[in-house]
PDB file of N, CA and C in Angstrom:
ATOM      1  N   MET A   1     -38.648   2.636  17.391  1.00  0.00           N
ATOM      2  CA  MET A   1     -37.576   2.048  18.064  1.00  0.00           C
ATOM      3  C   MET A   1     -36.470   2.983  18.351  1.00  0.00           C
ATOM      4  N   LEU A   2     -36.219   3.872  17.055  1.00  0.00           N
ATOM      5  CA  LEU A   2     -34.978   4.727  17.236  1.00  0.00           C
ATOM      6  C   LEU A   2     -35.238   5.782  18.025  1.00  0.00           C
ATOM      7  N   ARG A   3     -36.361   5.973  18.551  1.00  0.00           N
ATOM      8  CA  ARG A   3     -36.810   7.005  19.667  1.00  0.00           C
ATOM      9  C   ARG A   3     -36.265   6.587  21.029  1.00  0.00           C
ATOM     10  N   ARG A   4     -36.277   5.275  21.046  1.00  0.00           N
ATOM     11  CA  ARG A   4     -35.933   4.668  22.523  1.00  0.00           C
ATOM     12  C   ARG A   4     -34.471   3.954  22.273  1.00  0.00           C
ATOM     13  N   MET A   5     -33.840   4.116  21.157  1.00  0.00           N
ATOM     14  CA  MET A   5     -32.279   3.397  21.116  1.00  0.00           C
ATOM     15  C   MET A   5     -31.571   4.556  21.536  1.00  0.00           C
ATOM     16  N   PRO A   6     -30.336   4.125  22.648  1.00  0.00           N
ATOM     17  CA  PRO A   6     -29.406   5.059  22.915  1.00  0.00           C
ATOM     18  C   PRO A   6     -28.473   5.281  21.807  1.00  0.00           C
ATOM     19  N   VAL A   7     -27.723   6.363  21.707  1.00  0.00           N
ATOM     20  CA  VAL A   7     -26.955   6.605  20.594  1.00  0.00           C
ATOM     21  C   VAL A   7     -25.709   5.602  20.681  1.00  0.00           C
ATOM     22  N   SER A   8     -25.394   5.088  21.858  1.00  0.00           N
ATOM     23  CA  SER A   8     -24.099   4.080  21.948  1.00  0.00           C
ATOM     24  C   SER A   8     -24.563   2.836  21.296  1.00  0.00           C
ATOM     25  N   VAL A   9     -25.939   2.370  21.395  1.00  0.00           N
ATOM     26  CA  VAL A   9     -26.348   1.252  20.568  1.00  0.00           C
ATOM     27  C   VAL A   9     -26.523   1.494  19.171  1.00  0.00           C
ATOM     28  N   PHE A  10     -26.952   2.646  18.628  1.00  0.00           N
ATOM     29  CA  PHE A  10     -26.926   3.021  17.223  1.00  0.00           C
ATOM     30  C   PHE A  10     -25.410   3.109  16.684  1.00  0.00           C
ATOM     31  N   MET A  11     -24.523   3.446  17.459  1.00  0.00           N
ATOM     32  CA  MET A  11     -23.278   3.490  16.966  1.00  0.00           C
ATOM     33  C   MET A  11     -22.692   1.996  16.945  1.00  0.00           C
ATOM     34  N   ASP A  12     -22.940   1.256  17.793  1.00  0.00           N
ATOM     35  CA  ASP A  12     -22.635  -0.354  17.706  1.00  0.00           C
ATOM     36  C   ASP A  12     -22.898  -0.785  16.520  1.00  0.00           C
ATOM     37  N   TRP A  13     -24.502  -0.472  16.137  1.00  0.00           N
ATOM     38  CA  TRP A  13     -24.910  -1.112  14.695  1.00  0.00           C
ATOM     39  C   TRP A  13     -24.474  -0.664  13.746  1.00  0.00           C
ATOM     40  N   LEU A  14     -23.908   0.699  13.864  1.00  0.00           N
ATOM     41  CA  LEU A  14     -23.172   1.236  12.418  1.00  0.00           C
ATOM     42  C   LEU A  14     -21.829   0.516  12.255  1.00  0.00           C
ATOM     43  N   ALA A  15     -21.150   0.442  13.357  1.00  0.00           N
ATOM     44  CA  ALA A  15     -19.868  -0.388  13.348  1.00  0.00           C
ATOM     45  C   ALA A  15     -20.115  -1.891  12.717  1.00  0.00           C
ATOM     46  N   PHE A  16     -21.273  -2.581  13.280  1.00  0.00           N
ATOM     47  CA  PHE A  16     -21.316  -3.824  12.883  1.00  0.00           C
ATOM     48  C   PHE A  16     -21.694  -3.863  11.367  1.00  0.00           C
ATOM     49  N   ALA A  17     -22.384  -2.872  10.891  1.00  0.00           N
ATOM     50  CA  ALA A  17     -22.959  -2.893   9.400  1.00  0.00           C
ATOM     51  C   ALA A  17     -21.636  -2.618   8.569  1.00  0.00           C
ATOM     52  N   ALA A  18     -20.694  -1.662   9.166  1.00  0.00           N
ATOM     53  CA  ALA A  18     -19.432  -1.348   8.420  1.00  0.00           C
ATOM     54  C   ALA A  18     -18.516  -2.702   8.088  1.00  0.00           C
ATOM     55  N   SER A  19     -18.512  -3.474   9.447  1.00  0.00           N
ATOM     56  CA  SER A  19     -17.867  -4.718   9.202  1.00  0.00           C
ATOM     57  C   SER A  19     -18.255  -5.879   8.688  1.00  0.00           C
ATOM     58  N   GLN A  20     -19.726  -5.956   8.770  1.00  0.00           N
ATOM     59  CA  GLN A  20     -20.452  -7.186   8.321  1.00  0.00           C
ATOM     60  C   GLN A  20     -21.833  -6.785   7.536  1.00  0.00           C
ATOM     61  N   PRO A  21     -21.604  -6.248   6.459  1.00  0.00           N
ATOM     62  CA  PRO A  21     -22.739  -5.766   5.722  1.00  0.00           C
ATOM     63  C   PRO A  21     -23.831  -6.714   5.533  1.00  0.00           C
ATOM     64  N   PHE A  22     -25.141  -6.151   5.598  1.00  0.00           N
ATOM     65  CA  PHE A  22     -26.382  -6.970   5.725  1.00  0.00           C
ATOM     66  C   PHE A  22     -27.465  -5.771   4.945  1.00  0.00           C
ATOM     67  N   GLY A  23     -28.531  -6.588   4.521  1.00  0.00           N
ATOM     68  CA  GLY A  23     -29.556  -5.927   4.074  1.00  0.00           C
ATOM     69  C   GLY A  23     -29.931  -6.139   2.549  1.00  0.00           C
ATOM     70  N   ASP A  24     -30.461  -5.086   1.970  1.00  0.00           N
ATOM     71  CA  ASP A  24     -30.921  -5.432   0.574  1.00  0.00           C
ATOM     72  C   ASP A  24     -29.722  -5.241  -0.488  1.00  0.00           C
ATOM     73  N   GLU A  25     -28.713  -4.368  -0.407  1.00  0.00           N
ATOM     74  CA  GLU A  25     -27.589  -4.227  -0.968  1.00  0.00           C
ATOM     75  C   GLU A  25     -26.817  -5.463  -0.857  1.00  0.00           C
ATOM     76  N   ARG A  26     -26.574  -6.111   0.174  1.00  0.00           N
ATOM     77  CA  ARG A  26     -25.817  -7.171   0.399  1.00  0.00           C
ATOM     78  C   ARG A  26     -26.435  -8.624  -0.431  1.00  0.00           C
ATOM     79  N   ALA A  27     -27.979  -8.470  -0.164  1.00  0.00           N
ATOM     80  CA  ALA A  27     -28.690  -9.525  -0.816  1.00  0.00           C
ATOM     81  C   ALA A  27     -28.419  -9.256  -2.734  1.00  0.00           C
ATOM     82  N   ASP A  28     -28.476  -8.074  -3.181  1.00  0.00           N
ATOM     83  CA  ASP A  28     -28.301  -7.828  -4.467  1.00  0.00           C
ATOM     84  C   ASP A  28     -26.841  -8.225  -4.906  1.00  0.00           C
ATOM     85  N   LEU A  29     -25.944  -7.915  -4.165  1.00  0.00           N
ATOM     86  CA  LEU A  29     -24.589  -8.545  -4.387  1.00  0.00           C
ATOM     87  C   LEU A  29     -24.550 -10.090  -4.573  1.00  0.00           C
ATOM     88  N   ARG A  30     -25.138 -10.725  -3.552  1.00  0.00           N
ATOM     89  CA  ARG A  30     -25.173 -12.079  -3.689  1.00  0.00           C
ATOM     90  C   ARG A  30     -25.727 -12.677  -4.885  1.00  0.00           C
ATOM     91  N   MET A  31     -26.937 -12.073  -4.982  1.00  0.00           N
ATOM     92  CA  MET A  31     -27.408 -12.543  -6.371  1.00  0.00           C
ATOM     93  C   MET A  31     -26.721 -12.215  -7.653  1.00  0.00           C
ATOM     94  N   GLY A  32     -26.161 -11.074  -7.725  1.00  0.00           N
ATOM     95  CA  GLY A  32     -25.301 -10.778  -8.853  1.00  0.00           C
ATOM     96  C   GLY A  32     -24.171 -11.644  -9.117  1.00  0.00           C
ATOM     97  N   ILE A  33     -23.449 -12.243  -7.939  1.00  0.00           N
ATOM     98  CA  ILE A  33     -22.356 -13.002  -7.938  1.00  0.00           C
ATOM     99  C   ILE A  33     -22.999 -14.418  -8.589  1.00  0.00           C
ATOM    100  N   SER A  34     -24.074 -14.777  -8.068  1.00  0.00           N
ATOM    101  CA  SER A  34     -24.575 -16.264  -8.642  1.00  0.00           C
ATOM    102  C   SER A  34     -25.161 -16.019 -10.240  1.00  0.00           C
ATOM    103  N   THR A  35     -25.720 -15.001 -10.482  1.00  0.00           N
ATOM    104  CA  THR A  35     -26.130 -14.756 -11.714  1.00  0.00           C
ATOM    105  C   THR A  35     -25.047 -14.773 -12.970  1.00  0.00           C
ATOM    106  N   ALA A  36     -23.932 -13.796 -12.389  1.00  0.00           N
ATOM    107  CA  ALA A  36     -22.867 -13.636 -13.241  1.00  0.00           C
ATOM    108  C   ALA A  36     -22.093 -15.138 -13.562  1.00  0.00           C
ATOM    109  N   ALA A  37     -22.119 -16.001 -12.456  1.00  0.00           N
ATOM    110  CA  ALA A  37     -21.464 -17.243 -12.623  1.00  0.00           C
ATOM    111  C   ALA A  37     -22.174 -18.060 -13.538  1.00  0.00           C
ATOM    112  N   ILE A  38     -23.601 -18.180 -13.404  1.00  0.00           N
ATOM    113  CA  ILE A  38     -24.558 -18.899 -14.270  1.00  0.00           C
ATOM    114  C   ILE A  38     -24.315 -18.535 -15.808  1.00  0.00           C
ATOM    115  N   VAL A  39     -24.408 -16.988 -15.912  1.00  0.00           N
ATOM    116  CA  VAL A  39     -24.366 -16.569 -17.273  1.00  0.00           C
ATOM    117  C   VAL A  39     -22.928 -16.775 -17.860  1.00  0.00           C
ATOM    118  N   ASN A  40     -21.951 -16.532 -17.267  1.00  0.00           N
ATOM    119  CA  ASN A  40     -20.567 -16.767 -17.685  1.00  0.00           C
ATOM    120  C   ASN A  40     -20.308 -18.236 -17.965  1.00  0.00           C
ATOM    121  N   SER A  41     -20.927 -19.124 -17.356  1.00  0.00           N
ATOM    122  CA  SER A  41     -20.608 -20.593 -17.768  1.00  0.00           C
ATOM    123  C   SER A  41     -21.111 -20.802 -19.030  1.00  0.00           C
ATOM    124  N   TRP A  42     -22.162 -20.218 -19.407  1.00  0.00           N
ATOM    125  CA  TRP A  42     -22.806 -20.662 -20.743  1.00  0.00           C
ATOM    126  C   TRP A  42     -22.210 -19.564 -22.013  1.00  0.00           C
ATOM    127  N   LEU A  43     -21.335 -18.561 -21.621  1.00  0.00           N
ATOM    128  CA  LEU A  43     -21.023 -17.477 -22.481  1.00  0.00           C
ATOM    129  C   LEU A  43     -19.863 -17.948 -23.340  1.00  0.00           C
ATOM    130  N   ASP A  44     -19.711 -17.512 -24.412  1.00  0.00           N
ATOM    131  CA  ASP A  44     -18.712 -17.819 -25.314  1.00  0.00           C
ATOM    132  C   ASP A  44     -17.349 -17.325 -24.828  1.00  0.00           C
ATOM    133  N   ARG A  45     -16.529 -18.078 -24.904  1.00  0.00           N
ATOM    134  CA  ARG A  45     -15.038 -17.394 -24.100  1.00  0.00           C
ATOM    135  C   ARG A  45     -14.386 -16.445 -24.932  1.00  0.00           C
ATOM    136  N   LYS A  46     -14.809 -16.032 -25.751  1.00  0.00           N
ATOM    137  CA  LYS A  46     -14.376 -14.890 -26.762  1.00  0.00           C
ATOM    138  C   LYS A  46     -14.865 -13.632 -26.464  1.00  0.00           C
ATOM    139  N   LYS A  47     -16.142 -13.559 -25.660  1.00  0.00           N
ATOM    140  CA  LYS A  47     -16.880 -12.429 -25.096  1.00  0.00           C
ATOM    141  C   LYS A  47     -16.337 -12.061 -23.626  1.00  0.00           C
ATOM    142  N   ARG A  48     -16.503 -10.736 -23.421  1.00  0.00           N
ATOM    143  CA  ARG A  48     -16.045 -10.237 -22.030  1.00  0.00           C
ATOM    144  C   ARG A  48     -17.118 -10.791 -21.070  1.00  0.00           C
ATOM    145  N   PRO A  49     -16.565 -11.576 -19.949  1.00  0.00           N
ATOM    146  CA  PRO A  49     -17.455 -12.080 -18.962  1.00  0.00           C
ATOM    147  C   PRO A  49     -18.313 -10.946 -18.001  1.00  0.00           C
ATOM    148  N   TYR A  50     -19.413 -11.227 -17.708  1.00  0.00           N
ATOM    149  CA  TYR A  50     -20.030 -10.386 -17.014  1.00  0.00           C
ATOM    150  C   TYR A  50     -19.496 -10.176 -15.437  1.00  0.00           C
ATOM    151  N   LYS A  51     -19.791  -9.006 -14.890  1.00  0.00           N
ATOM    152  CA  LYS A  51     -19.323  -9.124 -13.356  1.00  0.00           C
ATOM    153  C   LYS A  51     -20.837  -8.838 -12.746  1.00  0.00           C
ATOM    154  N   PRO A  52     -20.547  -9.174 -11.419  1.00  0.00           N
ATOM    155  CA  PRO A  52     -22.251  -9.259 -10.555  1.00  0.00           C
ATOM    156  C   PRO A  52     -22.516  -7.870 -10.505  1.00  0.00           C
ATOM    157  N   SER A  53     -21.798  -6.734 -10.830  1.00  0.00           N
ATOM    158  CA  SER A  53     -22.421  -5.498 -10.755  1.00  0.00           C
ATOM    159  C   SER A  53     -23.393  -5.388 -11.914  1.00  0.00           C
ATOM    160  N   ASP A  54     -23.024  -6.176 -13.257  1.00  0.00           N
ATOM    161  CA  ASP A  54     -23.987  -6.097 -14.403  1.00  0.00           C
ATOM    162  C   ASP A  54     -25.411  -6.438 -14.042  1.00  0.00           C
ATOM    163  N   PHE A  55     -25.544  -7.312 -12.826  1.00  0.00           N
ATOM    164  CA  PHE A  55     -26.815  -7.861 -12.552  1.00  0.00           C
ATOM    165  C   PHE A  55     -27.473  -7.169 -11.561  1.00  0.00           C
ATOM    166  N   MET A  56     -26.925  -6.120 -10.787  1.00  0.00           N
ATOM    167  CA  MET A  56     -27.442  -5.512  -9.690  1.00  0.00           C
ATOM    168  C   MET A  56     -28.128  -4.029 -10.052  1.00  0.00           C
ATOM    169  N   PRO A  57     -29.447  -4.012  -9.583  1.00  0.00           N
ATOM    170  CA  PRO A  57     -30.247  -2.863  -9.918  1.00  0.00           C
ATOM    171  C   PRO A  57     -29.811  -1.707  -9.745  1.00  0.00           C
ATOM    172  N   PHE A  58     -28.905  -1.376  -8.431  1.00  0.00           N
ATOM    173  CA  PHE A  58     -28.724  -0.077  -8.103  1.00  0.00           C
ATOM    174  C   PHE A  58     -27.257  -0.046  -7.626  1.00  0.00           C
ATOM    175  N   THR A  59     -26.273   0.202  -8.689  1.00  0.00           N
ATOM    176  CA  THR A  59     -24.971  -0.062  -8.448  1.00  0.00           C
ATOM    177  C   THR A  59     -24.286   1.340  -8.605  1.00  0.00           C
ATOM    178  N   LYS A  60     -25.169   2.430  -8.792  1.00  0.00           N
ATOM    179  CA  LYS A  60     -24.458   3.683  -9.012  1.00  0.00           C
ATOM    180  C   LYS A  60     -23.555   4.099  -7.674  1.00  0.00           C
ATOM    181  N   LYS A  61     -22.446   4.563  -7.972  1.00  0.00           N
ATOM    182  CA  LYS A  61     -21.607   5.012  -6.702  1.00  0.00           C
ATOM    183  C   LYS A  61     -22.143   6.110  -5.952  1.00  0.00           C
ATOM    184  N   ARG A  62     -22.268   5.795  -4.700  1.00  0.00           N
ATOM    185  CA  ARG A  62     -22.616   7.029  -3.677  1.00  0.00           C
ATOM    186  C   ARG A  62     -21.461   7.654  -3.136  1.00  0.00           C
ATOM    187  N   PRO A  63     -21.650   8.750  -2.911  1.00  0.00           N
ATOM    188  CA  PRO A  63     -20.550   9.650  -2.287  1.00  0.00           C
ATOM    189  C   PRO A  63     -19.988   8.960  -0.710  1.00  0.00           C
ATOM    190  N   GLN A  64     -18.881   8.907  -0.765  1.00  0.00           N
ATOM    191  CA  GLN A  64     -18.223   8.491   0.487  1.00  0.00           C
ATOM    192  C   GLN A  64     -18.701   9.344   1.891  1.00  0.00           C
ATOM    193  N   VAL A  65     -19.278   8.785   2.752  1.00  0.00           N
ATOM    194  CA  VAL A  65     -19.554   9.615   3.629  1.00  0.00           C
ATOM    195  C   VAL A  65     -18.735   9.678   5.080  1.00  0.00           C
ATOM    196  N   GLY A  66     -17.667   9.009   4.917  1.00  0.00           N
ATOM    197  CA  GLY A  66     -16.608   8.915   6.031  1.00  0.00           C
ATOM    198  C   GLY A  66     -16.696   7.743   6.731  1.00  0.00           C
ATOM    199  N   THR A  67     -15.922   7.629   7.862  1.00  0.00           N
ATOM    200  CA  THR A  67     -15.798   6.733   8.545  1.00  0.00           C
ATOM    201  C   THR A  67     -16.728   6.522   9.827  1.00  0.00           C
ATOM    202  N   VAL A  68     -16.863   5.380  10.552  1.00  0.00           N
ATOM    203  CA  VAL A  68     -17.927   5.246  11.618  1.00  0.00           C
ATOM    204  C   VAL A  68     -17.526   6.506  12.675  1.00  0.00           C
ATOM    205  N   GLU A  69     -16.232   6.612  12.981  1.00  0.00           N
ATOM    206  CA  GLU A  69     -16.081   7.610  13.801  1.00  0.00           C
ATOM    207  C   GLU A  69     -16.145   8.932  13.511  1.00  0.00           C
ATOM    208  N   GLU A  70     -16.035   9.363  12.103  1.00  0.00           N
ATOM    209  CA  GLU A  70     -16.381  10.783  11.738  1.00  0.00           C
ATOM    210  C   GLU A  70     -18.043  10.866  11.753  1.00  0.00           C
ATOM    211  N   THR A  71     -18.778   9.754  11.545  1.00  0.00           N
ATOM    212  CA  THR A  71     -20.215   9.858  11.500  1.00  0.00           C
ATOM    213  C   THR A  71     -20.608  10.129  12.890  1.00  0.00           C
ATOM    214  N   ALA A  72     -20.071   9.382  13.694  1.00  0.00           N
ATOM    215  CA  ALA A  72     -20.370   9.365  15.264  1.00  0.00           C
ATOM    216  C   ALA A  72     -20.045  10.927  15.668  1.00  0.00           C
ATOM    217  N   ARG A  73     -19.022  11.604  15.288  1.00  0.00           N
ATOM    218  CA  ARG A  73     -18.556  12.893  15.681  1.00  0.00           C
ATOM    219  C   ARG A  73     -19.678  13.993  15.020  1.00  0.00           C
ATOM    220  N   ARG A  74     -19.948  13.712  13.827  1.00  0.00           N
ATOM    221  CA  ARG A  74     -21.031  14.545  13.449  1.00  0.00           C
ATOM    222  C   ARG A  74     -22.294  14.359  14.024  1.00  0.00           C
ATOM    223  N   LEU A  75     -22.552  13.202  14.122  1.00  0.00           N
ATOM    224  CA  LEU A  75     -23.945  13.032  15.217  1.00  0.00           C
ATOM    225  C   LEU A  75     -23.926  13.580  16.410  1.00  0.00           C
ATOM    226  N   MET A  76     -22.873  13.538  17.135  1.00  0.00           N
ATOM    227  CA  MET A  76     -22.676  14.185  18.633  1.00  0.00           C
ATOM    228  C   MET A  76     -22.759  15.689  18.419  1.00  0.00           C
ATOM    229  N   ALA A  77     -21.951  16.144  17.385  1.00  0.00           N
ATOM    230  CA  ALA A  77     -22.116  17.773  17.223  1.00  0.00           C
ATOM    231  C   ALA A  77     -23.512  18.008  16.793  1.00  0.00           C
ATOM    232  N   LEU A  78     -24.146  17.305  16.107  1.00  0.00           N
ATOM    233  CA  LEU A  78     -25.467  17.748  15.715  1.00  0.00           C
ATOM    234  C   LEU A  78     -26.575  17.659  16.847  1.00  0.00           C
ATOM    235  N   ASN A  79     -26.444  16.744  17.585  1.00  0.00           N
ATOM    236  CA  ASN A  79     -27.044  16.371  18.884  1.00  0.00           C
ATOM    237  C   ASN A  79     -26.842  17.741  19.860  1.00  0.00           C
ATOM    238  N   ALA A  80     -25.603  18.207  19.885  1.00  0.00           N
ATOM    239  CA  ALA A  80     -25.218  19.201  20.985  1.00  0.00           C
ATOM    240  C   ALA A  80     -25.899  20.585  20.601  1.00  0.00           C
ATOM    241  N   SER A  81     -25.775  20.549  19.102  1.00  0.00           N
ATOM    242  CA  SER A  81     -26.236  21.955  18.498  1.00  0.00           C
ATOM    243  C   SER A  81     -27.609  22.233  18.599  1.00  0.00           C
ATOM    244  N   LEU A  82     -28.499  20.939  18.919  1.00  0.00           N
ATOM    245  CA  LEU A  82     -29.958  21.087  19.062  1.00  0.00           C
ATOM    246  C   LEU A  82     -30.205  21.130  20.330  1.00  0.00           C
ATOM    247  N   GLY A  83     -29.311  21.160  21.250  1.00  0.00           N
ATOM    248  CA  GLY A  83     -29.339  21.204  22.874  1.00  0.00           C
ATOM    249  C   GLY A  83     -29.535  19.935  23.465  1.00  0.00           C
ATOM    250  N   GLY A  84     -29.172  18.786  22.750  1.00  0.00           N
ATOM    251  CA  GLY A  84     -29.204  17.350  23.393  1.00  0.00           C
ATOM    252  C   GLY A  84     -27.947  17.304  24.152  1.00  0.00           C
ATOM    253  N   THR A  85     -27.991  16.008  24.916  1.00  0.00           N
ATOM    254  CA  THR A  85     -27.011  15.836  25.731  1.00  0.00           C
ATOM    255  C   THR A  85     -26.600  14.160  25.517  1.00  0.00           C
ATOM    256  N   PHE A  86     -25.402  13.784  25.780  1.00  0.00           N
ATOM    257  CA  PHE A  86     -25.074  12.617  25.358  1.00  0.00           C
ATOM    258  C   PHE A  86     -24.678  12.130  26.855  1.00  0.00           C
ATOM    259  N   VAL A  87     -25.578  10.823  27.084  1.00  0.00           N
ATOM    260  CA  VAL A  87     -24.917  10.080  28.259  1.00  0.00           C
ATOM    261  C   VAL A  87     -24.502   8.637  27.890  1.00  0.00           C
ATOM    262  N   ASP A  88     -23.278   8.556  28.302  1.00  0.00           N
ATOM    263  CA  ASP A  88     -22.491   7.270  27.753  1.00  0.00           C
ATOM    264  C   ASP A  88     -22.985   6.063  28.867  1.00  0.00           C
ATOM    265  N   LYS A  89     -23.895   5.166  28.356  1.00  0.00           N
ATOM    266  CA  LYS A  89     -24.206   4.147  29.303  1.00  0.00           C
ATOM    267  C   LYS A  89     -23.597   2.765  29.271  1.00  0.00           C
ATOM    268  N   ARG A  90     -22.313   2.951  28.458  1.00  0.00           N
ATOM    269  CA  ARG A  90     -21.734   1.786  28.218  1.00  0.00           C
ATOM    270  C   ARG A  90     -20.838   1.365  29.383  1.00  0.00           C
ATOM    271  N   PRO A  91     -20.265   0.178  29.363  1.00  0.00           N
ATOM    272  CA  PRO A  91     -19.346  -0.243  30.620  1.00  0.00           C
ATOM    273  C   PRO A  91     -18.157   0.704  30.505  1.00  0.00           C
ATOM    274  N   PRO A  92     -17.712   0.796  31.639  1.00  0.00           N
ATOM    275  CA  PRO A  92     -16.616   1.869  32.027  1.00  0.00           C
ATOM    276  C   PRO A  92     -15.205   1.420  31.139  1.00  0.00           C
ATOM    277  N   GLU A  93     -15.038   0.497  30.735  1.00  0.00           N
ATOM    278  CA  GLU A  93     -13.783   0.062  29.843  1.00  0.00           C
ATOM    279  C   GLU A  93     -13.959   0.273  28.353  1.00  0.00           C
ATOM    280  N   ARG A  94     -15.397   0.718  27.942  1.00  0.00           N
ATOM    281  CA  ARG A  94     -15.670   1.048  26.576  1.00  0.00           C
ATOM    282  C   ARG A  94     -15.972   2.783  26.484  1.00  0.00           C
ATOM    283  N   ARG A  95     -16.089   3.375  27.690  1.00  0.00           N
ATOM    284  CA  ARG A  95     -16.406   4.846  27.670  1.00  0.00           C
ATOM    285  C   ARG A  95     -15.180   5.606  27.129  1.00  0.00           C
ATOM    286  N   GLY A  96     -15.552   6.634  26.441  1.00  0.00           N
ATOM    287  CA  GLY A  96     -14.466   7.654  25.888  1.00  0.00           C
ATOM    288  C   GLY A  96     -14.017   7.125  24.544  1.00  0.00           C
ATOM    289  N   LYS A  97     -14.398   5.829  23.986  1.00  0.00           N
ATOM    290  CA  LYS A  97     -14.308   5.409  22.641  1.00  0.00           C
ATOM    291  C   LYS A  97     -15.360   5.702  21.789  1.00  0.00           C
ATOM    292  N   ILE A  98     -15.171   6.257  20.665  1.00  0.00           N
ATOM    293  CA  ILE A  98     -16.320   6.417  19.852  1.00  0.00           C
ATOM    294  C   ILE A  98     -17.086   5.096  19.269  1.00  0.00           C
ATOM    295  N   VAL A  99     -16.129   4.080  18.821  1.00  0.00           N
ATOM    296  CA  VAL A  99     -16.752   2.902  18.510  1.00  0.00           C
ATOM    297  C   VAL A  99     -15.994   1.757  19.024  1.00  0.00           C
ATOM    298  N   GLY A 100     -16.463   0.656  19.318  1.00  0.00           N
ATOM    299  CA  GLY A 100     -15.748  -0.303  19.917  1.00  0.00           C
ATOM    300  C   GLY A 100     -15.907  -0.720  21.631  1.00  0.00           C
TER     301      GLY A 100
END
């Protein structure tokens, strides 16, 4: 599917994922929130309450990769360095913008 997906559509998906997270990481967060709420309801008040991240399997901090705009610029630079071209097939009012 990625071989047929235009860069503009891919960038739209990146922007959407940044504003409305989805996938396994988001599901882990939802499960962590509900599990922490249940466990904390049974916990002695003198003990430290659990956080949702205490119940999430992969909560190690990943290095920040930058904004969607920075990622788009890096992808376009990589594409150009490999001899690729970029054809913006978006409507005229959206052309020239990295995202949106």
